[in-house]
Amino acid sequence: MTGMARYASDPRQSRGRLHDEERSEHDGSIRGPRDDFQRDRDRIIHSISFRRLRHKTQVFVSPDGDHFRVRLTHSLEVAQIGRTIARSLGLNEDLTEALCLAHDIGHPPFGHAGEDALEEALADHGGFDHNAQTIRTLTKLERPYPRWDGLNLTWEMLEGLAKHNGPVSQPTWAMVEANALMDLDLGSWPSLEAQIAAVADDIAYDNHDIDDGIRAGLLSIDQLLILPFIAERWSDICTRFPDVERDRLVPELIRDQIGLMVNDVIATTLQRIKDTGIALADDVRGAGLMIGGFSDDMATKERALKKFMYANLYNHPEQMAAADNARVVVADLVNAYRNEPSLMPDSWTDTLPSQEPDRIRHIADFMAGMTDRYASKRHAEIFG
């Protein structure tokens, strides 16, 4: 624990796991060579659901280009940014990294388009939310252990996944179910590690989606220059590299933007810790406000960037057409499995509940685990 601040999450003070575990002789001691948060991180990395992220949409549906980001590469980039910020703040890097790596595991195929389709399918049965589905996947659907379902993650890990965007005032059924297993104190703020994981996610996709959008030809630097803070960075970069062609300066812009946001989060978070008198990890949960995040000025700029990205990339006609097709694929498959459950693999058909809402939720679990390419393949096989 050397170098950690007192307000960092300490694995030695963890509230524990749902199931007690016996250490094997290979661990060397009762606690083993790894602490509990390191074990959480490693369990995420070795999970089937984490591996499936390599074929799930980040921005582009089933991208053909090898250089576009997918959920897996995005999660790795979030983890790198999260660890950098956590180290500067004296937080627990392992817990921060684990939360960053796991935060998108509950996303269905085709990103938000797929999520919209599942939300509509479950509208009368408790709804669908990818954050809650992440916890459901990691506490029930993953089954690598012989004596219990799930990865048996620590309370701090599950709390961070549930609340990394803040207190949960209107939990979906899946979140209520998770909270019944281990009271996650949904009404409070989460650890600083979880708050940093959330802002690292924003920093990663705000900037890397620019890179992918330009690479795909749906965005241009000239469009981005309507945002004053990006125009300022771009002008500075062009001044530093006057003899370099514009295309080669785009990665420098992305790096500069990330560095600017990271430094802002570090400085702002340290100031809020001081202003609110945060001393211990539980002080963060009881602070009544977000401690880890952007300054007011940077938050305003970041919102402007998001607004631009929705107008020019996420809602681009090509993207909207792809999203519409993706929603049809997911909706068609849900209806097909409801009407003819035998179309699902035997392991899913054999465990299909007979009554609603458990029946449609079971189908949604199957659908949420699909990759883009598997969903497309199954749709083609069933519907031609």
Foldseek 3Di string as FASTA:
>chain_A
DPQAAQQADDLVPFPFFLDDDADDVVQVDRCRPDGQLLLLQVLLVPFPLLVLQQQADDQDARDPDPPADTRNVLLVQLLVLLLVLCSLNRYDSSLLNSLSSQLQSQFFHPGVLLQVLLQVVCVVAFGDDSLLSSLCCQQAVTDPDDPHGHPRHTLLNNLLSLALVHADPDDTPSVVVSCVSPPSVRRWHHFLSSVSSVQSSLLRCLLSVQVVCVVVVLDDVVLVVVQPVLVVLLVVQCVVPVPDDPVVCSVVSSVVSSVVQSVQQNVQLVVLCVVQVDRHNVCCRVSRDHRGGGDPVVVVSSVVSVVSCVVRRCVPVVNVVVSVVVSVLSNVQLVVCVVPVVLDPPVLSVPQDPDPPSRSVSVVSVRSSDGSVVSVVSSVVVPD
